[in-house]
Amino acid sequence: MTESAAASATVGTLTNTMGVLGMIYMLYGAQFAAALGQDQGKAAALILGIATTNGIPEVIVAVIVVTAVTAALKRIRKA
C-alpha cells in the first residue's frame, strides 16, 4: 500500500506540474519569457528549469505527506 501511495503521489504531482507549466508555455510562452527579461526562444528552457528546480522538491514532499497520511488512515481504519 505504501508503494502504491508513493507512486500515486509521484504521478499526480508530475501530472499537475507538467500540466500547469505546459499550459503556461503553450498559452503564454512569449509573454512569460518577456516578463523574465529573456528572449522568446528561451521560454521552453526557462520553463524546463522551473519544472526541474520546483518539480523534484514537490514530488519529494508529496511522497512524504501522502505516505504519512496513508499510513495514519490505515491505522485508524484498523482500530
PDB file of N, CA and C in Angstrom:
ATOM      1  N   MET A   1       0.821  -1.198   0.000  1.00  0.00           N
ATOM      2  CA  MET A   1       0.000   0.000   0.000  1.00  0.00           C
ATOM      3  C   MET A   1       0.863   1.259   0.000  1.00  0.00           C
ATOM      4  N   THR A   2       1.959   1.231   0.737  1.00  0.00           N
ATOM      5  CA  THR A   2       2.835   2.398   0.800  1.00  0.00           C
ATOM      6  C   THR A   2       3.457   2.696  -0.555  1.00  0.00           C
ATOM      7  N   GLU A   3       3.854   1.650  -1.268  1.00  0.00           N
ATOM      8  CA  GLU A   3       4.463   1.852  -2.584  1.00  0.00           C
ATOM      9  C   GLU A   3       3.457   2.445  -3.557  1.00  0.00           C
ATOM     10  N   SER A   4       2.222   1.968  -3.507  1.00  0.00           N
ATOM     11  CA  SER A   4       1.209   2.497  -4.418  1.00  0.00           C
ATOM     12  C   SER A   4       0.855   3.940  -4.061  1.00  0.00           C
ATOM     13  N   ALA A   5       0.863   4.271  -2.783  1.00  0.00           N
ATOM     14  CA  ALA A   5       0.606   5.654  -2.370  1.00  0.00           C
ATOM     15  C   ALA A   5       1.728   6.565  -2.849  1.00  0.00           C
ATOM     16  N   ALA A   6       2.958   6.109  -2.723  1.00  0.00           N
ATOM     17  CA  ALA A   6       4.097   6.901  -3.186  1.00  0.00           C
ATOM     18  C   ALA A   6       4.063   7.071  -4.702  1.00  0.00           C
ATOM     19  N   ALA A   7       3.719   6.008  -5.407  1.00  0.00           N
ATOM     20  CA  ALA A   7       3.628   6.091  -6.868  1.00  0.00           C
ATOM     21  C   ALA A   7       2.515   7.041  -7.285  1.00  0.00           C
ATOM     22  N   SER A   8       1.388   6.973  -6.602  1.00  0.00           N
ATOM     23  CA  SER A   8       0.272   7.872  -6.908  1.00  0.00           C
ATOM     24  C   SER A   8       0.648   9.323  -6.646  1.00  0.00           C
ATOM     25  N   ALA A   9       1.337   9.573  -5.554  1.00  0.00           N
ATOM     26  CA  ALA A   9       1.776  10.933  -5.239  1.00  0.00           C
ATOM     27  C   ALA A   9       2.736  11.447  -6.300  1.00  0.00           C
ATOM     28  N   THR A  10       3.646  10.592  -6.736  1.00  0.00           N
ATOM     29  CA  THR A  10       4.615  10.987  -7.756  1.00  0.00           C
ATOM     30  C   THR A  10       3.925  11.308  -9.071  1.00  0.00           C
ATOM     31  N   VAL A  11       3.083  10.401  -9.529  1.00  0.00           N
ATOM     32  CA  VAL A  11       2.403  10.601 -10.813  1.00  0.00           C
ATOM     33  C   VAL A  11       1.479  11.812 -10.757  1.00  0.00           C
ATOM     34  N   GLY A  12       0.740  11.952  -9.671  1.00  0.00           N
ATOM     35  CA  GLY A  12      -0.166  13.089  -9.540  1.00  0.00           C
ATOM     36  C   GLY A  12       0.558  14.422  -9.523  1.00  0.00           C
ATOM     37  N   THR A  13       1.640  14.486  -8.785  1.00  0.00           N
ATOM     38  CA  THR A  13       2.409  15.728  -8.703  1.00  0.00           C
ATOM     39  C   THR A  13       3.043  16.076 -10.040  1.00  0.00           C
ATOM     40  N   LEU A  14       3.633  15.092 -10.697  1.00  0.00           N
ATOM     41  CA  LEU A  14       4.246  15.355 -12.000  1.00  0.00           C
ATOM     42  C   LEU A  14       3.209  15.749 -13.042  1.00  0.00           C
ATOM     43  N   THR A  15       2.044  15.118 -13.001  1.00  0.00           N
ATOM     44  CA  THR A  15       0.972  15.476 -13.932  1.00  0.00           C
ATOM     45  C   THR A  15       0.549  16.922 -13.729  1.00  0.00           C
ATOM     46  N   ASN A  16       0.372  17.318 -12.489  1.00  0.00           N
ATOM     47  CA  ASN A  16      -0.024  18.687 -12.192  1.00  0.00           C
ATOM     48  C   ASN A  16       1.054  19.681 -12.621  1.00  0.00           C
ATOM     49  N   THR A  17       2.288  19.411 -12.270  1.00  0.00           N
ATOM     50  CA  THR A  17       3.383  20.320 -12.602  1.00  0.00           C
ATOM     51  C   THR A  17       3.538  20.471 -14.109  1.00  0.00           C
ATOM     52  N   MET A  18       3.560  19.352 -14.812  1.00  0.00           N
ATOM     53  CA  MET A  18       3.716  19.412 -16.266  1.00  0.00           C
ATOM     54  C   MET A  18       2.492  20.031 -16.942  1.00  0.00           C
ATOM     55  N   GLY A  19       1.317  19.772 -16.398  1.00  0.00           N
ATOM     56  CA  GLY A  19       0.109  20.371 -16.967  1.00  0.00           C
ATOM     57  C   GLY A  19       0.107  21.884 -16.843  1.00  0.00           C
ATOM     58  N   VAL A  20       0.421  22.372 -15.660  1.00  0.00           N
ATOM     59  CA  VAL A  20       0.426  23.818 -15.434  1.00  0.00           C
ATOM     60  C   VAL A  20       1.527  24.490 -16.250  1.00  0.00           C
ATOM     61  N   LEU A  21       2.738  23.979 -16.160  1.00  0.00           N
ATOM     62  CA  LEU A  21       3.841  24.608 -16.887  1.00  0.00           C
ATOM     63  C   LEU A  21       3.691  24.441 -18.394  1.00  0.00           C
ATOM     64  N   GLY A  22       3.137  23.315 -18.825  1.00  0.00           N
ATOM     65  CA  GLY A  22       2.886  23.122 -20.254  1.00  0.00           C
ATOM     66  C   GLY A  22       1.879  24.119 -20.794  1.00  0.00           C
ATOM     67  N   MET A  23       0.831  24.376 -20.023  1.00  0.00           N
ATOM     68  CA  MET A  23      -0.161  25.362 -20.459  1.00  0.00           C
ATOM     69  C   MET A  23       0.421  26.773 -20.442  1.00  0.00           C
ATOM     70  N   ILE A  24       1.259  27.075 -19.470  1.00  0.00           N
ATOM     71  CA  ILE A  24       1.924  28.382 -19.464  1.00  0.00           C
ATOM     72  C   ILE A  24       2.738  28.539 -20.738  1.00  0.00           C
ATOM     73  N   TYR A  25       3.472  27.495 -21.108  1.00  0.00           N
ATOM     74  CA  TYR A  25       4.288  27.562 -22.323  1.00  0.00           C
ATOM     75  C   TYR A  25       3.417  27.710 -23.565  1.00  0.00           C
ATOM     76  N   MET A  26       2.365  26.902 -23.667  1.00  0.00           N
ATOM     77  CA  MET A  26       1.533  26.932 -24.872  1.00  0.00           C
ATOM     78  C   MET A  26       0.741  28.232 -25.004  1.00  0.00           C
ATOM     79  N   LEU A  27       0.248  28.747 -23.892  1.00  0.00           N
ATOM     80  CA  LEU A  27      -0.606  29.928 -23.964  1.00  0.00           C
ATOM     81  C   LEU A  27       0.156  31.240 -23.806  1.00  0.00           C
ATOM     82  N   TYR A  28       1.186  31.242 -22.976  1.00  0.00           N
ATOM     83  CA  TYR A  28       1.856  32.493 -22.633  1.00  0.00           C
ATOM     84  C   TYR A  28       3.370  32.412 -22.721  1.00  0.00           C
ATOM     85  N   GLY A  29       3.901  31.527 -23.530  1.00  0.00           N
ATOM     86  CA  GLY A  29       5.347  31.332 -23.591  1.00  0.00           C
ATOM     87  C   GLY A  29       6.125  32.604 -23.868  1.00  0.00           C
ATOM     88  N   ALA A  30       5.707  33.344 -24.886  1.00  0.00           N
ATOM     89  CA  ALA A  30       6.421  34.567 -25.258  1.00  0.00           C
ATOM     90  C   ALA A  30       6.313  35.623 -24.159  1.00  0.00           C
ATOM     91  N   GLN A  31       5.106  35.805 -23.627  1.00  0.00           N
ATOM     92  CA  GLN A  31       4.920  36.795 -22.566  1.00  0.00           C
ATOM     93  C   GLN A  31       5.682  36.401 -21.300  1.00  0.00           C
ATOM     94  N   PHE A  32       5.725  35.105 -21.012  1.00  0.00           N
ATOM     95  CA  PHE A  32       6.442  34.615 -19.839  1.00  0.00           C
ATOM     96  C   PHE A  32       7.926  34.935 -19.954  1.00  0.00           C
ATOM     97  N   ALA A  33       8.508  34.637 -21.115  1.00  0.00           N
ATOM     98  CA  ALA A  33       9.931  34.920 -21.324  1.00  0.00           C
ATOM     99  C   ALA A  33      10.195  36.419 -21.256  1.00  0.00           C
ATOM    100  N   ALA A  34       9.308  37.212 -21.856  1.00  0.00           N
ATOM    101  CA  ALA A  34       9.483  38.664 -21.836  1.00  0.00           C
ATOM    102  C   ALA A  34       9.395  39.206 -20.411  1.00  0.00           C
ATOM    103  N   ALA A  35       8.492  38.656 -19.611  1.00  0.00           N
ATOM    104  CA  ALA A  35       8.348  39.110 -18.225  1.00  0.00           C
ATOM    105  C   ALA A  35       9.612  38.833 -17.419  1.00  0.00           C
ATOM    106  N   LEU A  36      10.348  37.799 -17.812  1.00  0.00           N
ATOM    107  CA  LEU A  36      11.604  37.483 -17.134  1.00  0.00           C
ATOM    108  C   LEU A  36      12.804  38.156 -17.797  1.00  0.00           C
ATOM    109  N   GLY A  37      12.534  38.983 -18.801  1.00  0.00           N
ATOM    110  CA  GLY A  37      13.597  39.698 -19.487  1.00  0.00           C
ATOM    111  C   GLY A  37      14.449  38.816 -20.374  1.00  0.00           C
ATOM    112  N   GLN A  38      13.867  37.742 -20.892  1.00  0.00           N
ATOM    113  CA  GLN A  38      14.603  36.791 -21.726  1.00  0.00           C
ATOM    114  C   GLN A  38      14.047  36.784 -23.145  1.00  0.00           C
ATOM    115  N   ASP A  39      14.837  36.236 -24.055  1.00  0.00           N
ATOM    116  CA  ASP A  39      14.421  36.087 -25.444  1.00  0.00           C
ATOM    117  C   ASP A  39      13.280  35.074 -25.531  1.00  0.00           C
ATOM    118  N   GLN A  40      12.369  35.286 -26.477  1.00  0.00           N
ATOM    119  CA  GLN A  40      11.216  34.404 -26.645  1.00  0.00           C
ATOM    120  C   GLN A  40      11.630  32.962 -26.903  1.00  0.00           C
ATOM    121  N   GLY A  41      12.738  32.755 -27.575  1.00  0.00           N
ATOM    122  CA  GLY A  41      13.215  31.413 -27.875  1.00  0.00           C
ATOM    123  C   GLY A  41      13.670  30.638 -26.646  1.00  0.00           C
ATOM    124  N   LYS A  42      13.867  31.329 -25.541  1.00  0.00           N
ATOM    125  CA  LYS A  42      14.318  30.663 -24.313  1.00  0.00           C
ATOM    126  C   LYS A  42      13.168  30.245 -23.402  1.00  0.00           C
ATOM    127  N   ALA A  43      11.935  30.429 -23.845  1.00  0.00           N
ATOM    128  CA  ALA A  43      10.779  30.128 -22.990  1.00  0.00           C
ATOM    129  C   ALA A  43      10.768  28.667 -22.566  1.00  0.00           C
ATOM    130  N   ALA A  44      11.018  27.765 -23.497  1.00  0.00           N
ATOM    131  CA  ALA A  44      10.994  26.333 -23.167  1.00  0.00           C
ATOM    132  C   ALA A  44      12.077  25.990 -22.151  1.00  0.00           C
ATOM    133  N   ALA A  45      13.264  26.538 -22.335  1.00  0.00           N
ATOM    134  CA  ALA A  45      14.359  26.263 -21.403  1.00  0.00           C
ATOM    135  C   ALA A  45      14.059  26.835 -20.018  1.00  0.00           C
ATOM    136  N   LEU A  46      13.463  28.015 -19.975  1.00  0.00           N
ATOM    137  CA  LEU A  46      13.102  28.615 -18.690  1.00  0.00           C
ATOM    138  C   LEU A  46      12.077  27.760 -17.951  1.00  0.00           C
ATOM    139  N   ILE A  47      11.070  27.324 -18.673  1.00  0.00           N
ATOM    140  CA  ILE A  47      10.021  26.518 -18.046  1.00  0.00           C
ATOM    141  C   ILE A  47      10.560  25.153 -17.633  1.00  0.00           C
ATOM    142  N   LEU A  48      11.429  24.577 -18.434  1.00  0.00           N
ATOM    143  CA  LEU A  48      12.044  23.302 -18.060  1.00  0.00           C
ATOM    144  C   LEU A  48      12.892  23.466 -16.798  1.00  0.00           C
ATOM    145  N   GLY A  49      13.583  24.585 -16.694  1.00  0.00           N
ATOM    146  CA  GLY A  49      14.360  24.862 -15.485  1.00  0.00           C
ATOM    147  C   GLY A  49      13.480  24.976 -14.253  1.00  0.00           C
ATOM    148  N   ILE A  50      12.344  25.636 -14.409  1.00  0.00           N
ATOM    149  CA  ILE A  50      11.396  25.750 -13.298  1.00  0.00           C
ATOM    150  C   ILE A  50      10.846  24.378 -12.933  1.00  0.00           C
ATOM    151  N   ALA A  51      10.515  23.580 -13.943  1.00  0.00           N
ATOM    152  CA  ALA A  51       9.984  22.235 -13.692  1.00  0.00           C
ATOM    153  C   ALA A  51      10.993  21.388 -12.933  1.00  0.00           C
ATOM    154  N   THR A  52      12.255  21.531 -13.275  1.00  0.00           N
ATOM    155  CA  THR A  52      13.291  20.736 -12.618  1.00  0.00           C
ATOM    156  C   THR A  52      13.528  21.203 -11.182  1.00  0.00           C
ATOM    157  N   THR A  53      13.713  22.501 -11.006  1.00  0.00           N
ATOM    158  CA  THR A  53      14.049  23.004  -9.672  1.00  0.00           C
ATOM    159  C   THR A  53      12.875  22.951  -8.707  1.00  0.00           C
ATOM    160  N   ASN A  54      11.659  23.086  -9.205  1.00  0.00           N
ATOM    161  CA  ASN A  54      10.490  23.038  -8.321  1.00  0.00           C
ATOM    162  C   ASN A  54       9.812  21.677  -8.322  1.00  0.00           C
ATOM    163  N   GLY A  55       9.843  20.991  -9.447  1.00  0.00           N
ATOM    164  CA  GLY A  55       9.136  19.718  -9.566  1.00  0.00           C
ATOM    165  C   GLY A  55       9.710  18.624  -8.690  1.00  0.00           C
ATOM    166  N   ILE A  56      11.018  18.533  -8.623  1.00  0.00           N
ATOM    167  CA  ILE A  56      11.649  17.481  -7.819  1.00  0.00           C
ATOM    168  C   ILE A  56      11.329  17.650  -6.328  1.00  0.00           C
ATOM    169  N   PRO A  57      11.499  18.849  -5.756  1.00  0.00           N
ATOM    170  CA  PRO A  57      11.111  19.003  -4.347  1.00  0.00           C
ATOM    171  C   PRO A  57       9.614  18.780  -4.115  1.00  0.00           C
ATOM    172  N   GLU A  58       8.779  19.183  -5.076  1.00  0.00           N
ATOM    173  CA  GLU A  58       7.341  18.947  -4.944  1.00  0.00           C
ATOM    174  C   GLU A  58       7.041  17.455  -4.849  1.00  0.00           C
ATOM    175  N   VAL A  59       7.690  16.667  -5.686  1.00  0.00           N
ATOM    176  CA  VAL A  59       7.474  15.218  -5.665  1.00  0.00           C
ATOM    177  C   VAL A  59       7.923  14.636  -4.328  1.00  0.00           C
ATOM    178  N   ILE A  60       9.069  15.058  -3.846  1.00  0.00           N
ATOM    179  CA  ILE A  60       9.585  14.536  -2.576  1.00  0.00           C
ATOM    180  C   ILE A  60       8.622  14.850  -1.435  1.00  0.00           C
ATOM    181  N   VAL A  61       8.160  16.096  -1.362  1.00  0.00           N
ATOM    182  CA  VAL A  61       7.226  16.484  -0.303  1.00  0.00           C
ATOM    183  C   VAL A  61       5.910  15.724  -0.445  1.00  0.00           C
ATOM    184  N   ALA A  62       5.415  15.594  -1.669  1.00  0.00           N
ATOM    185  CA  ALA A  62       4.151  14.876  -1.888  1.00  0.00           C
ATOM    186  C   ALA A  62       4.257  13.423  -1.449  1.00  0.00           C
ATOM    187  N   VAL A  63       5.358  12.775  -1.768  1.00  0.00           N
ATOM    188  CA  VAL A  63       5.532  11.373  -1.371  1.00  0.00           C
ATOM    189  C   VAL A  63       5.563  11.254   0.152  1.00  0.00           C
ATOM    190  N   ILE A  64       6.269  12.144   0.820  1.00  0.00           N
ATOM    191  CA  ILE A  64       6.344  12.097   2.284  1.00  0.00           C
ATOM    192  C   ILE A  64       4.963  12.310   2.902  1.00  0.00           C
ATOM    193  N   VAL A  65       4.255  13.332   2.438  1.00  0.00           N
ATOM    194  CA  VAL A  65       2.943  13.652   3.009  1.00  0.00           C
ATOM    195  C   VAL A  65       1.927  12.554   2.724  1.00  0.00           C
ATOM    196  N   VAL A  66       1.845  12.121   1.479  1.00  0.00           N
ATOM    197  CA  VAL A  66       0.851  11.103   1.116  1.00  0.00           C
ATOM    198  C   VAL A  66       1.135   9.782   1.822  1.00  0.00           C
ATOM    199  N   THR A  67       2.387   9.411   1.918  1.00  0.00           N
ATOM    200  CA  THR A  67       2.731   8.175   2.617  1.00  0.00           C
ATOM    201  C   THR A  67       2.352   8.258   4.094  1.00  0.00           C
ATOM    202  N   ALA A  68       2.629   9.393   4.726  1.00  0.00           N
ATOM    203  CA  ALA A  68       2.282   9.566   6.143  1.00  0.00           C
ATOM    204  C   ALA A  68       0.768   9.548   6.351  1.00  0.00           C
ATOM    205  N   VAL A  69       0.042  10.247   5.502  1.00  0.00           N
ATOM    206  CA  VAL A  69      -1.416  10.285   5.633  1.00  0.00           C
ATOM    207  C   VAL A  69      -2.013   8.908   5.382  1.00  0.00           C
ATOM    208  N   THR A  70      -1.504   8.208   4.385  1.00  0.00           N
ATOM    209  CA  THR A  70      -1.996   6.864   4.086  1.00  0.00           C
ATOM    210  C   THR A  70      -1.751   5.918   5.256  1.00  0.00           C
ATOM    211  N   ALA A  71      -0.576   5.987   5.842  1.00  0.00           N
ATOM    212  CA  ALA A  71      -0.267   5.126   6.992  1.00  0.00           C
ATOM    213  C   ALA A  71      -1.182   5.444   8.171  1.00  0.00           C
ATOM    214  N   ALA A  72      -1.430   6.727   8.414  1.00  0.00           N
ATOM    215  CA  ALA A  72      -2.314   7.118   9.514  1.00  0.00           C
ATOM    216  C   ALA A  72      -3.741   6.632   9.269  1.00  0.00           C
ATOM    217  N   LEU A  73      -4.208   6.767   8.048  1.00  0.00           N
ATOM    218  CA  LEU A  73      -5.562   6.306   7.731  1.00  0.00           C
ATOM    219  C   LEU A  73      -5.689   4.792   7.853  1.00  0.00           C
ATOM    220  N   LYS A  74      -4.637   4.077   7.484  1.00  0.00           N
ATOM    221  CA  LYS A  74      -4.664   2.614   7.643  1.00  0.00           C
ATOM    222  C   LYS A  74      -4.786   2.238   9.112  1.00  0.00           C
ATOM    223  N   ARG A  75      -4.052   2.935   9.981  1.00  0.00           N
ATOM    224  CA  ARG A  75      -4.119   2.650  11.411  1.00  0.00           C
ATOM    225  C   ARG A  75      -5.499   2.978  11.977  1.00  0.00           C
ATOM    226  N   ILE A  76      -6.083   4.070  11.530  1.00  0.00           N
ATOM    227  CA  ILE A  76      -7.409   4.466  12.015  1.00  0.00           C
ATOM    228  C   ILE A  76      -8.459   3.450  11.582  1.00  0.00           C
ATOM    229  N   ARG A  77      -8.378   2.983  10.360  1.00  0.00           N
ATOM    230  CA  ARG A  77      -9.356   2.016   9.852  1.00  0.00           C
ATOM    231  C   ARG A  77      -9.263   0.673  10.568  1.00  0.00           C
ATOM    232  N   LYS A  78      -8.079   0.299  11.025  1.00  0.00           N
ATOM    233  CA  LYS A  78      -7.907  -0.971  11.741  1.00  0.00           C
ATOM    234  C   LYS A  78      -8.500  -0.904  13.143  1.00  0.00           C
ATOM    235  N   ALA A  79      -8.516   0.289  13.718  1.00  0.00           N
ATOM    236  CA  ALA A  79      -8.992   0.444  15.111  1.00  0.00           C
ATOM    237  C   ALA A  79     -10.486   0.254  15.233  1.00  0.00           C
TER     238      ALA A  79
END
